[in-house]
Amino acid sequence: MKYSELYAFRIKQLCTKKGITINRLATYSNVKQSTIDNIVHGASKNPKVRTLHKIATVFDMTLSEFLDFQELNDYSIDDEEED
């Protein structure tokens, strides 16, 4: 899994756990649907911290909690070339 795919994975995982759709996530977070779609479908390789923070609040998480998950913690950034 690429670094940029980890955000998509996390968002999908949390939406499933909370029982909400990506569309609902956009509404609740006040982030444009297209922005979230771009993250989830890999078009956005480096989402803004502000965007991730807004998404995290929907899941009742801090940004730190949102970014603290096993797949990201295990990821070696040195193994991937920058875009």
PDB file of N, CA and C in Angstrom:
ATOM      1  N   MET A   1       0.846  -1.177   0.000  1.00  0.00           N
ATOM      2  CA  MET A   1       0.000   0.000   0.000  1.00  0.00           C
ATOM      3  C   MET A   1       0.891   1.240   0.000  1.00  0.00           C
ATOM      4  N   LYS A   2       0.555   2.202  -0.861  1.00  0.00           N
ATOM      5  CA  LYS A   2       1.311   3.446  -0.920  1.00  0.00           C
ATOM      6  C   LYS A   2       0.882   4.376   0.209  1.00  0.00           C
ATOM      7  N   TYR A   3       1.762   5.300   0.514  1.00  0.00           N
ATOM      8  CA  TYR A   3       1.501   6.257   1.589  1.00  0.00           C
ATOM      9  C   TYR A   3       0.173   6.973   1.390  1.00  0.00           C
ATOM     10  N   SER A   4      -0.074   7.470   0.193  1.00  0.00           N
ATOM     11  CA  SER A   4      -1.313   8.206  -0.079  1.00  0.00           C
ATOM     12  C   SER A   4      -2.553   7.328   0.063  1.00  0.00           C
ATOM     13  N   GLU A   5      -2.407   6.041  -0.134  1.00  0.00           N
ATOM     14  CA  GLU A   5      -3.532   5.114   0.004  1.00  0.00           C
ATOM     15  C   GLU A   5      -3.901   4.858   1.459  1.00  0.00           C
ATOM     16  N   LEU A   6      -2.979   5.140   2.355  1.00  0.00           N
ATOM     17  CA  LEU A   6      -3.238   4.901   3.769  1.00  0.00           C
ATOM     18  C   LEU A   6      -4.354   5.795   4.307  1.00  0.00           C
ATOM     19  N   TYR A   7      -4.410   7.050   3.837  1.00  0.00           N
ATOM     20  CA  TYR A   7      -5.494   7.943   4.263  1.00  0.00           C
ATOM     21  C   TYR A   7      -6.839   7.415   3.787  1.00  0.00           C
ATOM     22  N   ALA A   8      -6.886   6.969   2.557  1.00  0.00           N
ATOM     23  CA  ALA A   8      -8.120   6.415   2.004  1.00  0.00           C
ATOM     24  C   ALA A   8      -8.548   5.188   2.806  1.00  0.00           C
ATOM     25  N   PHE A   9      -7.613   4.332   3.099  1.00  0.00           N
ATOM     26  CA  PHE A   9      -7.880   3.136   3.892  1.00  0.00           C
ATOM     27  C   PHE A   9      -8.465   3.519   5.249  1.00  0.00           C
ATOM     28  N   ARG A  10      -7.850   4.481   5.901  1.00  0.00           N
ATOM     29  CA  ARG A  10      -8.294   4.908   7.233  1.00  0.00           C
ATOM     30  C   ARG A  10      -9.701   5.491   7.182  1.00  0.00           C
ATOM     31  N   ILE A  11      -9.956   6.337   6.208  1.00  0.00           N
ATOM     32  CA  ILE A  11     -11.276   6.952   6.088  1.00  0.00           C
ATOM     33  C   ILE A  11     -12.343   5.891   5.835  1.00  0.00           C
ATOM     34  N   LYS A  12     -12.087   4.981   4.920  1.00  0.00           N
ATOM     35  CA  LYS A  12     -13.051   3.921   4.628  1.00  0.00           C
ATOM     36  C   LYS A  12     -13.292   3.045   5.854  1.00  0.00           C
ATOM     37  N   GLN A  13     -12.218   2.710   6.543  1.00  0.00           N
ATOM     38  CA  GLN A  13     -12.299   1.875   7.743  1.00  0.00           C
ATOM     39  C   GLN A  13     -13.174   2.544   8.808  1.00  0.00           C
ATOM     40  N   LEU A  14     -12.948   3.827   9.033  1.00  0.00           N
ATOM     41  CA  LEU A  14     -13.705   4.536  10.066  1.00  0.00           C
ATOM     42  C   LEU A  14     -15.155   4.775   9.649  1.00  0.00           C
ATOM     43  N   CYS A  15     -15.391   5.016   8.375  1.00  0.00           N
ATOM     44  CA  CYS A  15     -16.772   5.160   7.899  1.00  0.00           C
ATOM     45  C   CYS A  15     -17.552   3.866   8.116  1.00  0.00           C
ATOM     46  N   THR A  16     -16.928   2.755   7.803  1.00  0.00           N
ATOM     47  CA  THR A  16     -17.566   1.456   8.007  1.00  0.00           C
ATOM     48  C   THR A  16     -17.865   1.242   9.488  1.00  0.00           C
ATOM     49  N   LYS A  17     -16.898   1.527  10.329  1.00  0.00           N
ATOM     50  CA  LYS A  17     -17.058   1.338  11.775  1.00  0.00           C
ATOM     51  C   LYS A  17     -18.181   2.218  12.327  1.00  0.00           C
ATOM     52  N   LYS A  18     -18.258   3.446  11.838  1.00  0.00           N
ATOM     53  CA  LYS A  18     -19.263   4.392  12.326  1.00  0.00           C
ATOM     54  C   LYS A  18     -20.596   4.237  11.586  1.00  0.00           C
ATOM     55  N   GLY A  19     -20.599   3.504  10.487  1.00  0.00           N
ATOM     56  CA  GLY A  19     -21.821   3.269   9.727  1.00  0.00           C
ATOM     57  C   GLY A  19     -22.288   4.477   8.931  1.00  0.00           C
ATOM     58  N   ILE A  20     -21.320   5.241   8.398  1.00  0.00           N
ATOM     59  CA  ILE A  20     -21.682   6.393   7.575  1.00  0.00           C
ATOM     60  C   ILE A  20     -21.064   6.264   6.187  1.00  0.00           C
ATOM     61  N   THR A  21     -21.676   6.922   5.244  1.00  0.00           N
ATOM     62  CA  THR A  21     -21.167   6.919   3.875  1.00  0.00           C
ATOM     63  C   THR A  21     -20.159   8.051   3.705  1.00  0.00           C
ATOM     64  N   ILE A  22     -19.442   7.999   2.608  1.00  0.00           N
ATOM     65  CA  ILE A  22     -18.509   9.075   2.271  1.00  0.00           C
ATOM     66  C   ILE A  22     -19.282  10.386   2.084  1.00  0.00           C
ATOM     67  N   ASN A  23     -20.469  10.290   1.512  1.00  0.00           N
ATOM     68  CA  ASN A  23     -21.304  11.473   1.327  1.00  0.00           C
ATOM     69  C   ASN A  23     -21.666  12.095   2.673  1.00  0.00           C
ATOM     70  N   ARG A  24     -22.046  11.275   3.629  1.00  0.00           N
ATOM     71  CA  ARG A  24     -22.366  11.777   4.980  1.00  0.00           C
ATOM     72  C   ARG A  24     -21.133  12.385   5.633  1.00  0.00           C
ATOM     73  N   LEU A  25     -19.998  11.738   5.431  1.00  0.00           N
ATOM     74  CA  LEU A  25     -18.747  12.263   5.975  1.00  0.00           C
ATOM     75  C   LEU A  25     -18.491  13.669   5.455  1.00  0.00           C
ATOM     76  N   ALA A  26     -18.717  13.871   4.183  1.00  0.00           N
ATOM     77  CA  ALA A  26     -18.537  15.203   3.590  1.00  0.00           C
ATOM     78  C   ALA A  26     -19.475  16.211   4.252  1.00  0.00           C
ATOM     79  N   THR A  27     -20.715  15.824   4.429  1.00  0.00           N
ATOM     80  CA  THR A  27     -21.698  16.717   5.057  1.00  0.00           C
ATOM     81  C   THR A  27     -21.315  17.030   6.492  1.00  0.00           C
ATOM     82  N   TYR A  28     -21.020  16.014   7.264  1.00  0.00           N
ATOM     83  CA  TYR A  28     -20.694  16.196   8.690  1.00  0.00           C
ATOM     84  C   TYR A  28     -19.399  16.976   8.900  1.00  0.00           C
ATOM     85  N   SER A  29     -18.436  16.776   8.030  1.00  0.00           N
ATOM     86  CA  SER A  29     -17.119  17.415   8.198  1.00  0.00           C
ATOM     87  C   SER A  29     -17.041  18.797   7.565  1.00  0.00           C
ATOM     88  N   ASN A  30     -18.035  19.125   6.754  1.00  0.00           N
ATOM     89  CA  ASN A  30     -18.021  20.389   6.013  1.00  0.00           C
ATOM     90  C   ASN A  30     -16.810  20.462   5.071  1.00  0.00           C
ATOM     91  N   VAL A  31     -16.478  19.300   4.511  1.00  0.00           N
ATOM     92  CA  VAL A  31     -15.433  19.192   3.496  1.00  0.00           C
ATOM     93  C   VAL A  31     -16.154  18.830   2.193  1.00  0.00           C
ATOM     94  N   LYS A  32     -15.759  19.458   1.111  1.00  0.00           N
ATOM     95  CA  LYS A  32     -16.414  19.191  -0.169  1.00  0.00           C
ATOM     96  C   LYS A  32     -16.377  17.704  -0.496  1.00  0.00           C
ATOM     97  N   GLN A  33     -17.483  17.215  -1.027  1.00  0.00           N
ATOM     98  CA  GLN A  33     -17.580  15.817  -1.442  1.00  0.00           C
ATOM     99  C   GLN A  33     -16.451  15.471  -2.407  1.00  0.00           C
ATOM    100  N   SER A  34     -16.148  16.365  -3.330  1.00  0.00           N
ATOM    101  CA  SER A  34     -15.101  16.107  -4.323  1.00  0.00           C
ATOM    102  C   SER A  34     -13.734  15.959  -3.660  1.00  0.00           C
ATOM    103  N   THR A  35     -13.499  16.713  -2.595  1.00  0.00           N
ATOM    104  CA  THR A  35     -12.221  16.617  -1.881  1.00  0.00           C
ATOM    105  C   THR A  35     -12.071  15.242  -1.233  1.00  0.00           C
ATOM    106  N   ILE A  36     -13.123  14.803  -0.567  1.00  0.00           N
ATOM    107  CA  ILE A  36     -13.071  13.484   0.077  1.00  0.00           C
ATOM    108  C   ILE A  36     -12.985  12.387  -0.979  1.00  0.00           C
ATOM    109  N   ASP A  37     -13.736  12.530  -2.057  1.00  0.00           N
ATOM    110  CA  ASP A  37     -13.654  11.548  -3.149  1.00  0.00           C
ATOM    111  C   ASP A  37     -12.235  11.472  -3.706  1.00  0.00           C
ATOM    112  N   ASN A  38     -11.598  12.623  -3.861  1.00  0.00           N
ATOM    113  CA  ASN A  38     -10.224  12.642  -4.374  1.00  0.00           C
ATOM    114  C   ASN A  38      -9.262  11.922  -3.433  1.00  0.00           C
ATOM    115  N   ILE A  39      -9.453  12.072  -2.145  1.00  0.00           N
ATOM    116  CA  ILE A  39      -8.605  11.371  -1.175  1.00  0.00           C
ATOM    117  C   ILE A  39      -8.867   9.875  -1.254  1.00  0.00           C
ATOM    118  N   VAL A  40     -10.138   9.506  -1.223  1.00  0.00           N
ATOM    119  CA  VAL A  40     -10.519   8.094  -1.190  1.00  0.00           C
ATOM    120  C   VAL A  40     -10.153   7.358  -2.480  1.00  0.00           C
ATOM    121  N   HIS A  41     -10.203   8.059  -3.600  1.00  0.00           N
ATOM    122  CA  HIS A  41      -9.893   7.412  -4.880  1.00  0.00           C
ATOM    123  C   HIS A  41      -8.451   7.626  -5.337  1.00  0.00           C
ATOM    124  N   GLY A  42      -7.638   8.257  -4.498  1.00  0.00           N
ATOM    125  CA  GLY A  42      -6.212   8.370  -4.780  1.00  0.00           C
ATOM    126  C   GLY A  42      -5.794   9.536  -5.644  1.00  0.00           C
ATOM    127  N   ALA A  43      -6.726  10.404  -6.014  1.00  0.00           N
ATOM    128  CA  ALA A  43      -6.360  11.562  -6.833  1.00  0.00           C
ATOM    129  C   ALA A  43      -5.614  12.610  -6.019  1.00  0.00           C
ATOM    130  N   SER A  44      -5.916  12.671  -4.743  1.00  0.00           N
ATOM    131  CA  SER A  44      -5.230  13.591  -3.840  1.00  0.00           C
ATOM    132  C   SER A  44      -4.157  12.810  -3.090  1.00  0.00           C
ATOM    133  N   LYS A  45      -2.921  13.072  -3.414  1.00  0.00           N
ATOM    134  CA  LYS A  45      -1.811  12.320  -2.824  1.00  0.00           C
ATOM    135  C   LYS A  45      -1.355  12.870  -1.481  1.00  0.00           C
ATOM    136  N   ASN A  46      -1.688  14.138  -1.218  1.00  0.00           N
ATOM    137  CA  ASN A  46      -1.192  14.788  -0.012  1.00  0.00           C
ATOM    138  C   ASN A  46      -2.260  15.740   0.539  1.00  0.00           C
ATOM    139  N   PRO A  47      -3.293  15.182   1.192  1.00  0.00           N
ATOM    140  CA  PRO A  47      -4.367  16.046   1.693  1.00  0.00           C
ATOM    141  C   PRO A  47      -3.865  17.012   2.761  1.00  0.00           C
ATOM    142  N   LYS A  48      -4.506  18.157   2.836  1.00  0.00           N
ATOM    143  CA  LYS A  48      -4.131  19.170   3.818  1.00  0.00           C
ATOM    144  C   LYS A  48      -4.440  18.681   5.235  1.00  0.00           C
ATOM    145  N   VAL A  49      -3.620  19.114   6.166  1.00  0.00           N
ATOM    146  CA  VAL A  49      -3.824  18.770   7.566  1.00  0.00           C
ATOM    147  C   VAL A  49      -5.187  19.278   8.032  1.00  0.00           C
ATOM    148  N   ARG A  50      -5.548  20.457   7.598  1.00  0.00           N
ATOM    149  CA  ARG A  50      -6.851  21.040   7.970  1.00  0.00           C
ATOM    150  C   ARG A  50      -7.999  20.123   7.523  1.00  0.00           C
ATOM    151  N   THR A  51      -7.895  19.574   6.337  1.00  0.00           N
ATOM    152  CA  THR A  51      -8.918  18.662   5.832  1.00  0.00           C
ATOM    153  C   THR A  51      -8.977  17.398   6.672  1.00  0.00           C
ATOM    154  N   LEU A  52      -7.822  16.823   6.960  1.00  0.00           N
ATOM    155  CA  LEU A  52      -7.782  15.614   7.785  1.00  0.00           C
ATOM    156  C   LEU A  52      -8.314  15.886   9.192  1.00  0.00           C
ATOM    157  N   HIS A  53      -8.033  17.067   9.708  1.00  0.00           N
ATOM    158  CA  HIS A  53      -8.523  17.443  11.033  1.00  0.00           C
ATOM    159  C   HIS A  53     -10.054  17.496  11.041  1.00  0.00           C
ATOM    160  N   LYS A  54     -10.635  18.111  10.012  1.00  0.00           N
ATOM    161  CA  LYS A  54     -12.094  18.184   9.907  1.00  0.00           C
ATOM    162  C   LYS A  54     -12.708  16.784   9.821  1.00  0.00           C
ATOM    163  N   ILE A  55     -12.071  15.915   9.061  1.00  0.00           N
ATOM    164  CA  ILE A  55     -12.551  14.539   8.934  1.00  0.00           C
ATOM    165  C   ILE A  55     -12.446  13.814  10.271  1.00  0.00           C
ATOM    166  N   ALA A  56     -11.340  13.990  10.951  1.00  0.00           N
ATOM    167  CA  ALA A  56     -11.123  13.322  12.241  1.00  0.00           C
ATOM    168  C   ALA A  56     -12.203  13.684  13.254  1.00  0.00           C
ATOM    169  N   THR A  57     -12.626  14.938  13.258  1.00  0.00           N
ATOM    170  CA  THR A  57     -13.628  15.366  14.251  1.00  0.00           C
ATOM    171  C   THR A  57     -14.953  14.635  14.065  1.00  0.00           C
ATOM    172  N   VAL A  58     -15.275  14.250  12.849  1.00  0.00           N
ATOM    173  CA  VAL A  58     -16.509  13.491  12.606  1.00  0.00           C
ATOM    174  C   VAL A  58     -16.465  12.146  13.333  1.00  0.00           C
ATOM    175  N   PHE A  59     -15.282  11.606  13.460  1.00  0.00           N
ATOM    176  CA  PHE A  59     -15.107  10.317  14.132  1.00  0.00           C
ATOM    177  C   PHE A  59     -14.802  10.489  15.629  1.00  0.00           C
ATOM    178  N   ASP A  60     -15.040  11.701  16.124  1.00  0.00           N
ATOM    179  CA  ASP A  60     -14.765  12.023  17.534  1.00  0.00           C
ATOM    180  C   ASP A  60     -13.315  11.729  17.903  1.00  0.00           C
ATOM    181  N   MET A  61     -12.408  12.120  17.003  1.00  0.00           N
ATOM    182  CA  MET A  61     -10.984  11.877  17.196  1.00  0.00           C
ATOM    183  C   MET A  61     -10.217  13.181  17.049  1.00  0.00           C
ATOM    184  N   THR A  62      -9.081  13.230  17.710  1.00  0.00           N
ATOM    185  CA  THR A  62      -8.139  14.303  17.422  1.00  0.00           C
ATOM    186  C   THR A  62      -7.405  13.921  16.137  1.00  0.00           C
ATOM    187  N   LEU A  63      -6.702  14.867  15.574  1.00  0.00           N
ATOM    188  CA  LEU A  63      -5.911  14.555  14.387  1.00  0.00           C
ATOM    189  C   LEU A  63      -4.864  13.493  14.722  1.00  0.00           C
ATOM    190  N   SER A  64      -4.278  13.598  15.893  1.00  0.00           N
ATOM    191  CA  SER A  64      -3.277  12.602  16.321  1.00  0.00           C
ATOM    192  C   SER A  64      -3.879  11.205  16.381  1.00  0.00           C
ATOM    193  N   GLU A  65      -5.072  11.097  16.922  1.00  0.00           N
ATOM    194  CA  GLU A  65      -5.731   9.792  17.000  1.00  0.00           C
ATOM    195  C   GLU A  65      -6.061   9.260  15.604  1.00  0.00           C
ATOM    196  N   PHE A  66      -6.502  10.155  14.736  1.00  0.00           N
ATOM    197  CA  PHE A  66      -6.826   9.757  13.372  1.00  0.00           C
ATOM    198  C   PHE A  66      -5.597   9.188  12.663  1.00  0.00           C
ATOM    199  N   LEU A  67      -4.454   9.793  12.890  1.00  0.00           N
ATOM    200  CA  LEU A  67      -3.221   9.365  12.227  1.00  0.00           C
ATOM    201  C   LEU A  67      -2.500   8.220  12.940  1.00  0.00           C
ATOM    202  N   ASP A  68      -2.997   7.844  14.098  1.00  0.00           N
ATOM    203  CA  ASP A  68      -2.360   6.773  14.873  1.00  0.00           C
ATOM    204  C   ASP A  68      -3.070   5.451  14.607  1.00  0.00           C
ATOM    205  N   PHE A  69      -2.645   4.776  13.532  1.00  0.00           N
ATOM    206  CA  PHE A  69      -3.177   3.449  13.238  1.00  0.00           C
ATOM    207  C   PHE A  69      -2.042   2.576  12.705  1.00  0.00           C
ATOM    208  N   GLN A  70      -2.210   1.293  12.885  1.00  0.00           N
ATOM    209  CA  GLN A  70      -1.121   0.329  12.669  1.00  0.00           C
ATOM    210  C   GLN A  70      -0.490   0.427  11.282  1.00  0.00           C
ATOM    211  N   GLU A  71      -1.294   0.488  10.247  1.00  0.00           N
ATOM    212  CA  GLU A  71      -0.760   0.492   8.891  1.00  0.00           C
ATOM    213  C   GLU A  71       0.140   1.704   8.636  1.00  0.00           C
ATOM    214  N   LEU A  72      -0.258   2.853   9.156  1.00  0.00           N
ATOM    215  CA  LEU A  72       0.571   4.046   9.004  1.00  0.00           C
ATOM    216  C   LEU A  72       1.810   3.959   9.881  1.00  0.00           C
ATOM    217  N   ASN A  73       1.651   3.467  11.095  1.00  0.00           N
ATOM    218  CA  ASN A  73       2.792   3.335  12.000  1.00  0.00           C
ATOM    219  C   ASN A  73       3.835   2.352  11.472  1.00  0.00           C
ATOM    220  N   ASP A  74       3.390   1.346  10.747  1.00  0.00           N
ATOM    221  CA  ASP A  74       4.300   0.338  10.195  1.00  0.00           C
ATOM    222  C   ASP A  74       4.921   0.756   8.865  1.00  0.00           C
ATOM    223  N   TYR A  75       4.395   1.810   8.267  1.00  0.00           N
ATOM    224  CA  TYR A  75       4.836   2.211   6.936  1.00  0.00           C
ATOM    225  C   TYR A  75       6.231   2.821   6.983  1.00  0.00           C
ATOM    226  N   SER A  76       7.057   2.403   6.042  1.00  0.00           N
ATOM    227  CA  SER A  76       8.401   2.953   5.940  1.00  0.00           C
ATOM    228  C   SER A  76       8.419   3.982   4.811  1.00  0.00           C
ATOM    229  N   ILE A  77       8.470   5.224   5.173  1.00  0.00           N
ATOM    230  CA  ILE A  77       8.439   6.319   4.200  1.00  0.00           C
ATOM    231  C   ILE A  77       9.674   6.286   3.287  1.00  0.00           C
ATOM    232  N   ASP A  78      10.732   5.689   3.759  1.00  0.00           N
ATOM    233  CA  ASP A  78      11.977   5.621   2.983  1.00  0.00           C
ATOM    234  C   ASP A  78      11.879   4.669   1.790  1.00  0.00           C
ATOM    235  N   ASP A  79      10.877   3.801   1.818  1.00  0.00           N
ATOM    236  CA  ASP A  79      10.734   2.807   0.744  1.00  0.00           C
ATOM    237  C   ASP A  79      10.007   3.333  -0.481  1.00  0.00           C
ATOM    238  N   GLU A  80       9.459   4.532  -0.391  1.00  0.00           N
ATOM    239  CA  GLU A  80       8.672   5.074  -1.496  1.00  0.00           C
ATOM    240  C   GLU A  80       9.306   6.358  -2.025  1.00  0.00           C
ATOM    241  N   GLU A  81       9.285   6.476  -3.335  1.00  0.00           N
ATOM    242  CA  GLU A  81       9.785   7.700  -3.963  1.00  0.00           C
ATOM    243  C   GLU A  81       8.734   8.785  -3.826  1.00  0.00           C
ATOM    244  N   GLU A  82       9.179  10.029  -3.732  1.00  0.00           N
ATOM    245  CA  GLU A  82       8.259  11.147  -3.661  1.00  0.00           C
ATOM    246  C   GLU A  82       7.642  11.386  -5.016  1.00  0.00           C
ATOM    247  N   ASP A  83       6.382  11.893  -4.987  1.00  0.00           N
ATOM    248  CA  ASP A  83       5.690  12.223  -6.239  1.00  0.00           C
ATOM    249  C   ASP A  83       6.192  13.519  -6.797  1.00  0.00           C
TER     250      ASP A  83
END
